[in-house]
């Protein structure tokens, strides 16, 4: 889990980010996050999950969930 205590984001912005990460479009923002998610999905397939928690004026947390080693796609 990666957490900051920044300005956070609205529910709309959080949903927009999650939708963007699930698209196969060319990234224009959040390139680093998009690259991490794309690479983890290549390695782990549907066994990889990223959750985003955020509240305005409180910060944001990204939770990366990986499978146990024996569950990795060969």
PDB file of N, CA and C in Angstrom:
ATOM      1  N   UNK A   1       0.835  -1.178   0.000  1.00  0.00           N
ATOM      2  CA  UNK A   1       0.000   0.000   0.000  1.00  0.00           C
ATOM      3  C   UNK A   1       0.876   1.236   0.000  1.00  0.00           C
ATOM      4  N   UNK A   2       0.594   2.159  -0.908  1.00  0.00           N
ATOM      5  CA  UNK A   2       1.287   3.440  -0.998  1.00  0.00           C
ATOM      6  C   UNK A   2       0.306   4.516  -0.578  1.00  0.00           C
ATOM      7  N   UNK A   3       0.705   5.361   0.366  1.00  0.00           N
ATOM      8  CA  UNK A   3      -0.202   6.371   0.907  1.00  0.00           C
ATOM      9  C   UNK A   3       0.471   7.728   0.945  1.00  0.00           C
ATOM     10  N   UNK A   4      -0.307   8.758   0.642  1.00  0.00           N
ATOM     11  CA  UNK A   4       0.186  10.122   0.831  1.00  0.00           C
ATOM     12  C   UNK A   4      -0.834  10.913   1.641  1.00  0.00           C
ATOM     13  N   UNK A   5      -0.442  12.070   2.100  1.00  0.00           N
ATOM     14  CA  UNK A   5      -1.353  12.913   2.865  1.00  0.00           C
ATOM     15  C   UNK A   5      -1.629  14.216   2.102  1.00  0.00           C
ATOM     16  N   UNK A   6      -1.689  14.081   0.766  1.00  0.00           N
ATOM     17  CA  UNK A   6      -1.899  15.231  -0.106  1.00  0.00           C
ATOM     18  C   UNK A   6      -3.340  15.689  -0.153  1.00  0.00           C
ATOM     19  N   UNK A   7      -3.697  16.297  -1.278  1.00  0.00           N
ATOM     20  CA  UNK A   7      -5.024  16.899  -1.411  1.00  0.00           C
ATOM     21  C   UNK A   7      -6.121  15.887  -1.700  1.00  0.00           C
ATOM     22  N   UNK A   8      -5.746  14.647  -2.011  1.00  0.00           N
ATOM     23  CA  UNK A   8      -6.740  13.615  -2.310  1.00  0.00           C
ATOM     24  C   UNK A   8      -7.488  13.914  -3.586  1.00  0.00           C
ATOM     25  N   UNK A   9      -8.568  13.173  -3.812  1.00  0.00           N
ATOM     26  CA  UNK A   9      -9.380  13.392  -5.007  1.00  0.00           C
ATOM     27  C   UNK A   9     -10.827  13.037  -4.715  1.00  0.00           C
ATOM     28  N   UNK A  10     -11.706  13.584  -5.531  1.00  0.00           N
ATOM     29  CA  UNK A  10     -13.137  13.313  -5.397  1.00  0.00           C
ATOM     30  C   UNK A  10     -13.431  11.888  -5.867  1.00  0.00           C
ATOM     31  N   UNK A  11     -14.606  11.390  -5.531  1.00  0.00           N
ATOM     32  CA  UNK A  11     -15.041  10.065  -5.991  1.00  0.00           C
ATOM     33  C   UNK A  11     -15.070  10.026  -7.512  1.00  0.00           C
ATOM     34  N   UNK A  12     -15.527  11.127  -8.141  1.00  0.00           N
ATOM     35  CA  UNK A  12     -15.569  11.194  -9.605  1.00  0.00           C
ATOM     36  C   UNK A  12     -14.180  11.036 -10.196  1.00  0.00           C
ATOM     37  N   UNK A  13     -13.190  11.737  -9.643  1.00  0.00           N
ATOM     38  CA  UNK A  13     -11.826  11.679 -10.145  1.00  0.00           C
ATOM     39  C   UNK A  13     -11.242  10.283  -9.928  1.00  0.00           C
ATOM     40  N   UNK A  14     -11.543   9.661  -8.787  1.00  0.00           N
ATOM     41  CA  UNK A  14     -11.062   8.308  -8.493  1.00  0.00           C
ATOM     42  C   UNK A  14     -11.619   7.322  -9.516  1.00  0.00           C
ATOM     43  N   UNK A  15     -12.915   7.406  -9.801  1.00  0.00           N
ATOM     44  CA  UNK A  15     -13.537   6.524 -10.788  1.00  0.00           C
ATOM     45  C   UNK A  15     -12.970   6.774 -12.180  1.00  0.00           C
ATOM     46  N   UNK A  16     -12.711   8.028 -12.506  1.00  0.00           N
ATOM     47  CA  UNK A  16     -12.101   8.385 -13.789  1.00  0.00           C
ATOM     48  C   UNK A  16     -10.722   7.741 -13.917  1.00  0.00           C
ATOM     49  N   UNK A  17      -9.932   7.786 -12.850  1.00  0.00           N
ATOM     50  CA  UNK A  17      -8.606   7.169 -12.841  1.00  0.00           C
ATOM     51  C   UNK A  17      -8.712   5.666 -13.047  1.00  0.00           C
ATOM     52  N   UNK A  18      -9.605   5.005 -12.324  1.00  0.00           N
ATOM     53  CA  UNK A  18      -9.766   3.557 -12.452  1.00  0.00           C
ATOM     54  C   UNK A  18     -10.228   3.174 -13.854  1.00  0.00           C
ATOM     55  N   UNK A  19     -11.140   3.935 -14.443  1.00  0.00           N
ATOM     56  CA  UNK A  19     -11.595   3.665 -15.806  1.00  0.00           C
ATOM     57  C   UNK A  19     -10.443   3.826 -16.783  1.00  0.00           C
ATOM     58  N   UNK A  20      -9.663   4.873 -16.618  1.00  0.00           N
ATOM     59  CA  UNK A  20      -8.508   5.128 -17.487  1.00  0.00           C
ATOM     60  C   UNK A  20      -7.512   3.978 -17.409  1.00  0.00           C
ATOM     61  N   UNK A  21      -7.258   3.465 -16.209  1.00  0.00           N
ATOM     62  CA  UNK A  21      -6.284   2.392 -16.035  1.00  0.00           C
ATOM     63  C   UNK A  21      -6.737   1.099 -16.688  1.00  0.00           C
ATOM     64  N   UNK A  22      -8.040   0.915 -16.853  1.00  0.00           N
ATOM     65  CA  UNK A  22      -8.572  -0.299 -17.462  1.00  0.00           C
ATOM     66  C   UNK A  22      -8.708  -0.197 -18.977  1.00  0.00           C
ATOM     67  N   UNK A  23      -8.478   0.988 -19.533  1.00  0.00           N
ATOM     68  CA  UNK A  23      -8.563   1.174 -20.979  1.00  0.00           C
ATOM     69  C   UNK A  23      -7.230   0.852 -21.627  1.00  0.00           C
ATOM     70  N   UNK A  24      -7.257   0.609 -22.918  1.00  0.00           N
ATOM     71  CA  UNK A  24      -6.031   0.373 -23.672  1.00  0.00           C
ATOM     72  C   UNK A  24      -5.652   1.587 -24.505  1.00  0.00           C
ATOM     73  N   UNK A  25      -6.098   2.769 -24.082  1.00  0.00           N
ATOM     74  CA  UNK A  25      -5.792   3.983 -24.832  1.00  0.00           C
ATOM     75  C   UNK A  25      -4.395   4.486 -24.494  1.00  0.00           C
ATOM     76  N   UNK A  26      -3.875   5.363 -25.327  1.00  0.00           N
ATOM     77  CA  UNK A  26      -2.574   5.956 -25.052  1.00  0.00           C
ATOM     78  C   UNK A  26      -2.680   6.860 -23.826  1.00  0.00           C
ATOM     79  N   UNK A  27      -1.784   6.698 -22.879  1.00  0.00           N
ATOM     80  CA  UNK A  27      -1.854   7.528 -21.673  1.00  0.00           C
ATOM     81  C   UNK A  27      -1.421   8.961 -21.951  1.00  0.00           C
ATOM     82  N   UNK A  28      -2.107   9.891 -21.321  1.00  0.00           N
ATOM     83  CA  UNK A  28      -1.704  11.291 -21.401  1.00  0.00           C
ATOM     84  C   UNK A  28      -1.364  11.824 -20.021  1.00  0.00           C
ATOM     85  N   UNK A  29      -1.890  11.184 -18.992  1.00  0.00           N
ATOM     86  CA  UNK A  29      -1.571  11.533 -17.606  1.00  0.00           C
ATOM     87  C   UNK A  29      -1.434  10.229 -16.829  1.00  0.00           C
ATOM     88  N   UNK A  30      -0.886  10.298 -15.659  1.00  0.00           N
ATOM     89  CA  UNK A  30      -0.736   9.116 -14.795  1.00  0.00           C
ATOM     90  C   UNK A  30       0.042   8.014 -15.503  1.00  0.00           C
ATOM     91  N   UNK A  31       1.026   8.386 -16.303  1.00  0.00           N
ATOM     92  CA  UNK A  31       1.762   7.412 -17.109  1.00  0.00           C
ATOM     93  C   UNK A  31       2.441   6.365 -16.230  1.00  0.00           C
ATOM     94  N   UNK A  32       3.051   6.797 -15.128  1.00  0.00           N
ATOM     95  CA  UNK A  32       3.742   5.855 -14.251  1.00  0.00           C
ATOM     96  C   UNK A  32       2.804   4.818 -13.670  1.00  0.00           C
ATOM     97  N   UNK A  33       1.658   5.254 -13.180  1.00  0.00           N
ATOM     98  CA  UNK A  33       0.677   4.332 -12.606  1.00  0.00           C
ATOM     99  C   UNK A  33       0.163   3.395 -13.685  1.00  0.00           C
ATOM    100  N   UNK A  34      -0.133   3.935 -14.868  1.00  0.00           N
ATOM    101  CA  UNK A  34      -0.635   3.104 -15.975  1.00  0.00           C
ATOM    102  C   UNK A  34       0.397   2.037 -16.345  1.00  0.00           C
ATOM    103  N   UNK A  35       1.691   2.415 -16.399  1.00  0.00           N
ATOM    104  CA  UNK A  35       2.736   1.442 -16.734  1.00  0.00           C
ATOM    105  C   UNK A  35       2.823   0.329 -15.699  1.00  0.00           C
ATOM    106  N   UNK A  36       2.752   0.673 -14.423  1.00  0.00           N
ATOM    107  CA  UNK A  36       2.813  -0.342 -13.360  1.00  0.00           C
ATOM    108  C   UNK A  36       1.640  -1.302 -13.494  1.00  0.00           C
ATOM    109  N   UNK A  37       0.434  -0.776 -13.643  1.00  0.00           N
ATOM    110  CA  UNK A  37      -0.756  -1.621 -13.752  1.00  0.00           C
ATOM    111  C   UNK A  37      -0.665  -2.515 -14.990  1.00  0.00           C
ATOM    112  N   UNK A  38      -0.238  -1.952 -16.126  1.00  0.00           N
ATOM    113  CA  UNK A  38      -0.118  -2.742 -17.356  1.00  0.00           C
ATOM    114  C   UNK A  38       0.882  -3.883 -17.193  1.00  0.00           C
ATOM    115  N   UNK A  39       2.028  -3.596 -16.589  1.00  0.00           N
ATOM    116  CA  UNK A  39       3.047  -4.637 -16.402  1.00  0.00           C
ATOM    117  C   UNK A  39       2.580  -5.713 -15.426  1.00  0.00           C
ATOM    118  N   UNK A  40       1.935  -5.317 -14.356  1.00  0.00           N
ATOM    119  CA  UNK A  40       1.465  -6.302 -13.383  1.00  0.00           C
ATOM    120  C   UNK A  40       0.382  -7.188 -13.998  1.00  0.00           C
ATOM    121  N   UNK A  41      -0.467  -6.613 -14.854  1.00  0.00           N
ATOM    122  CA  UNK A  41      -1.498  -7.424 -15.521  1.00  0.00           C
ATOM    123  C   UNK A  41      -0.871  -8.383 -16.527  1.00  0.00           C
ATOM    124  N   UNK A  42       0.231  -7.971 -17.176  1.00  0.00           N
ATOM    125  CA  UNK A  42       0.939  -8.885 -18.080  1.00  0.00           C
ATOM    126  C   UNK A  42       1.510 -10.073 -17.317  1.00  0.00           C
ATOM    127  N   UNK A  43       2.052  -9.817 -16.149  1.00  0.00           N
ATOM    128  CA  UNK A  43       2.677 -10.874 -15.347  1.00  0.00           C
ATOM    129  C   UNK A  43       1.642 -11.733 -14.632  1.00  0.00           C
ATOM    130  N   UNK A  44       0.670 -11.094 -13.983  1.00  0.00           N
ATOM    131  CA  UNK A  44      -0.261 -11.814 -13.111  1.00  0.00           C
ATOM    132  C   UNK A  44      -1.665 -11.988 -13.681  1.00  0.00           C
ATOM    133  N   UNK A  45      -1.955 -11.371 -14.823  1.00  0.00           N
ATOM    134  CA  UNK A  45      -3.292 -11.476 -15.405  1.00  0.00           C
ATOM    135  C   UNK A  45      -4.348 -10.940 -14.460  1.00  0.00           C
ATOM    136  N   UNK A  46      -5.462 -11.623 -14.390  1.00  0.00           N
ATOM    137  CA  UNK A  46      -6.564 -11.187 -13.527  1.00  0.00           C
ATOM    138  C   UNK A  46      -6.300 -11.439 -12.048  1.00  0.00           C
ATOM    139  N   UNK A  47      -5.133 -12.026 -11.720  1.00  0.00           N
ATOM    140  CA  UNK A  47      -4.790 -12.253 -10.318  1.00  0.00           C
ATOM    141  C   UNK A  47      -4.198 -11.011  -9.663  1.00  0.00           C
ATOM    142  N   UNK A  48      -3.969  -9.952 -10.448  1.00  0.00           N
ATOM    143  CA  UNK A  48      -3.457  -8.694  -9.910  1.00  0.00           C
ATOM    144  C   UNK A  48      -4.600  -7.702  -9.788  1.00  0.00           C
ATOM    145  N   UNK A  49      -4.626  -6.967  -8.685  1.00  0.00           N
ATOM    146  CA  UNK A  49      -5.642  -5.950  -8.465  1.00  0.00           C
ATOM    147  C   UNK A  49      -4.993  -4.705  -7.884  1.00  0.00           C
ATOM    148  N   UNK A  50      -5.490  -3.550  -8.271  1.00  0.00           N
ATOM    149  CA  UNK A  50      -5.085  -2.302  -7.631  1.00  0.00           C
ATOM    150  C   UNK A  50      -6.341  -1.582  -7.177  1.00  0.00           C
ATOM    151  N   UNK A  51      -6.363  -1.206  -5.929  1.00  0.00           N
ATOM    152  CA  UNK A  51      -7.490  -0.455  -5.383  1.00  0.00           C
ATOM    153  C   UNK A  51      -7.013   0.948  -5.047  1.00  0.00           C
ATOM    154  N   UNK A  52      -7.888   1.914  -5.245  1.00  0.00           N
ATOM    155  CA  UNK A  52      -7.566   3.303  -4.964  1.00  0.00           C
ATOM    156  C   UNK A  52      -8.549   3.816  -3.919  1.00  0.00           C
ATOM    157  N   UNK A  53      -7.996   4.335  -2.824  1.00  0.00           N
ATOM    158  CA  UNK A  53      -8.800   4.947  -1.769  1.00  0.00           C
ATOM    159  C   UNK A  53      -8.382   6.405  -1.687  1.00  0.00           C
ATOM    160  N   UNK A  54      -9.346   7.313  -1.679  1.00  0.00           N
ATOM    161  CA  UNK A  54      -8.993   8.716  -1.615  1.00  0.00           C
ATOM    162  C   UNK A  54     -10.141   9.534  -1.068  1.00  0.00           C
ATOM    163  N   UNK A  55      -9.790  10.531  -0.284  1.00  0.00           N
ATOM    164  CA  UNK A  55     -10.748  11.504   0.212  1.00  0.00           C
ATOM    165  C   UNK A  55     -10.144  12.882   0.011  1.00  0.00           C
ATOM    166  N   UNK A  56     -10.956  13.796  -0.458  1.00  0.00           N
ATOM    167  CA  UNK A  56     -10.468  15.145  -0.670  1.00  0.00           C
ATOM    168  C   UNK A  56      -9.934  15.729   0.640  1.00  0.00           C
ATOM    169  N   UNK A  57      -8.813  16.402   0.556  1.00  0.00           N
ATOM    170  CA  UNK A  57      -8.140  17.050   1.688  1.00  0.00           C
ATOM    171  C   UNK A  57      -7.617  16.076   2.734  1.00  0.00           C
ATOM    172  N   UNK A  58      -7.565  14.790   2.413  1.00  0.00           N
ATOM    173  CA  UNK A  58      -7.044  13.798   3.357  1.00  0.00           C
ATOM    174  C   UNK A  58      -5.924  12.953   2.771  1.00  0.00           C
ATOM    175  N   UNK A  59      -5.866  12.802   1.456  1.00  0.00           N
ATOM    176  CA  UNK A  59      -4.820  11.999   0.835  1.00  0.00           C
ATOM    177  C   UNK A  59      -5.371  10.843   0.032  1.00  0.00           C
ATOM    178  N   UNK A  60      -4.431  10.061  -0.505  1.00  0.00           N
ATOM    179  CA  UNK A  60      -4.767   8.947  -1.387  1.00  0.00           C
ATOM    180  C   UNK A  60      -3.924   7.730  -1.039  1.00  0.00           C
ATOM    181  N   UNK A  61      -4.500   6.547  -1.156  1.00  0.00           N
ATOM    182  CA  UNK A  61      -3.783   5.290  -0.983  1.00  0.00           C
ATOM    183  C   UNK A  61      -4.012   4.409  -2.200  1.00  0.00           C
ATOM    184  N   UNK A  62      -2.943   3.826  -2.702  1.00  0.00           N
ATOM    185  CA  UNK A  62      -3.013   2.832  -3.765  1.00  0.00           C
ATOM    186  C   UNK A  62      -2.629   1.499  -3.142  1.00  0.00           C
ATOM    187  N   UNK A  63      -3.471   0.518  -3.264  1.00  0.00           N
ATOM    188  CA  UNK A  63      -3.209  -0.804  -2.709  1.00  0.00           C
ATOM    189  C   UNK A  63      -3.021  -1.773  -3.864  1.00  0.00           C
ATOM    190  N   UNK A  64      -1.796  -2.301  -4.004  1.00  0.00           N
ATOM    191  CA  UNK A  64      -1.467  -3.269  -5.048  1.00  0.00           C
ATOM    192  C   UNK A  64      -1.566  -4.663  -4.453  1.00  0.00           C
ATOM    193  N   UNK A  65      -2.388  -5.516  -5.039  1.00  0.00           N
ATOM    194  CA  UNK A  65      -2.635  -6.852  -4.495  1.00  0.00           C
ATOM    195  C   UNK A  65      -2.103  -7.881  -5.484  1.00  0.00           C
ATOM    196  N   UNK A  66      -1.121  -8.676  -5.024  1.00  0.00           N
ATOM    197  CA  UNK A  66      -0.467  -9.689  -5.844  1.00  0.00           C
ATOM    198  C   UNK A  66      -0.857 -11.081  -5.352  1.00  0.00           C
ATOM    199  N   UNK A  67      -0.877 -12.078  -6.238  1.00  0.00           N
ATOM    200  CA  UNK A  67      -1.168 -13.440  -5.823  1.00  0.00           C
ATOM    201  C   UNK A  67       0.051 -14.076  -5.147  1.00  0.00           C
ATOM    202  N   UNK A  68      -0.217 -15.164  -4.439  1.00  0.00           N
ATOM    203  CA  UNK A  68       0.892 -15.950  -3.907  1.00  0.00           C
ATOM    204  C   UNK A  68       1.697 -16.505  -5.064  1.00  0.00           C
ATOM    205  N   UNK A  69       2.966 -16.783  -4.858  1.00  0.00           N
ATOM    206  CA  UNK A  69       3.858 -17.202  -5.925  1.00  0.00           C
ATOM    207  C   UNK A  69       3.291 -18.368  -6.741  1.00  0.00           C
ATOM    208  N   UNK A  70       2.723 -19.377  -6.100  1.00  0.00           N
ATOM    209  CA  UNK A  70       2.252 -20.551  -6.822  1.00  0.00           C
ATOM    210  C   UNK A  70       1.029 -20.238  -7.681  1.00  0.00           C
ATOM    211  N   UNK A  71       0.396 -19.058  -7.484  1.00  0.00           N
ATOM    212  CA  UNK A  71      -0.770 -18.682  -8.274  1.00  0.00           C
ATOM    213  C   UNK A  71      -0.402 -17.894  -9.523  1.00  0.00           C
ATOM    214  N   UNK A  72       0.879 -17.611  -9.740  1.00  0.00           N
ATOM    215  CA  UNK A  72       1.317 -16.807 -10.879  1.00  0.00           C
ATOM    216  C   UNK A  72       1.082 -17.562 -12.177  1.00  0.00           C
ATOM    217  N   UNK A  73       0.626 -16.842 -13.184  1.00  0.00           N
ATOM    218  CA  UNK A  73       0.381 -17.437 -14.500  1.00  0.00           C
ATOM    219  C   UNK A  73       1.714 -17.816 -15.124  1.00  0.00           C
ATOM    220  N   UNK A  74       1.830 -19.011 -15.666  1.00  0.00           N
ATOM    221  CA  UNK A  74       3.073 -19.471 -16.300  1.00  0.00           C
ATOM    222  C   UNK A  74       3.142 -19.020 -17.732  1.00  0.00           C
TER     223      UNK A  74
END
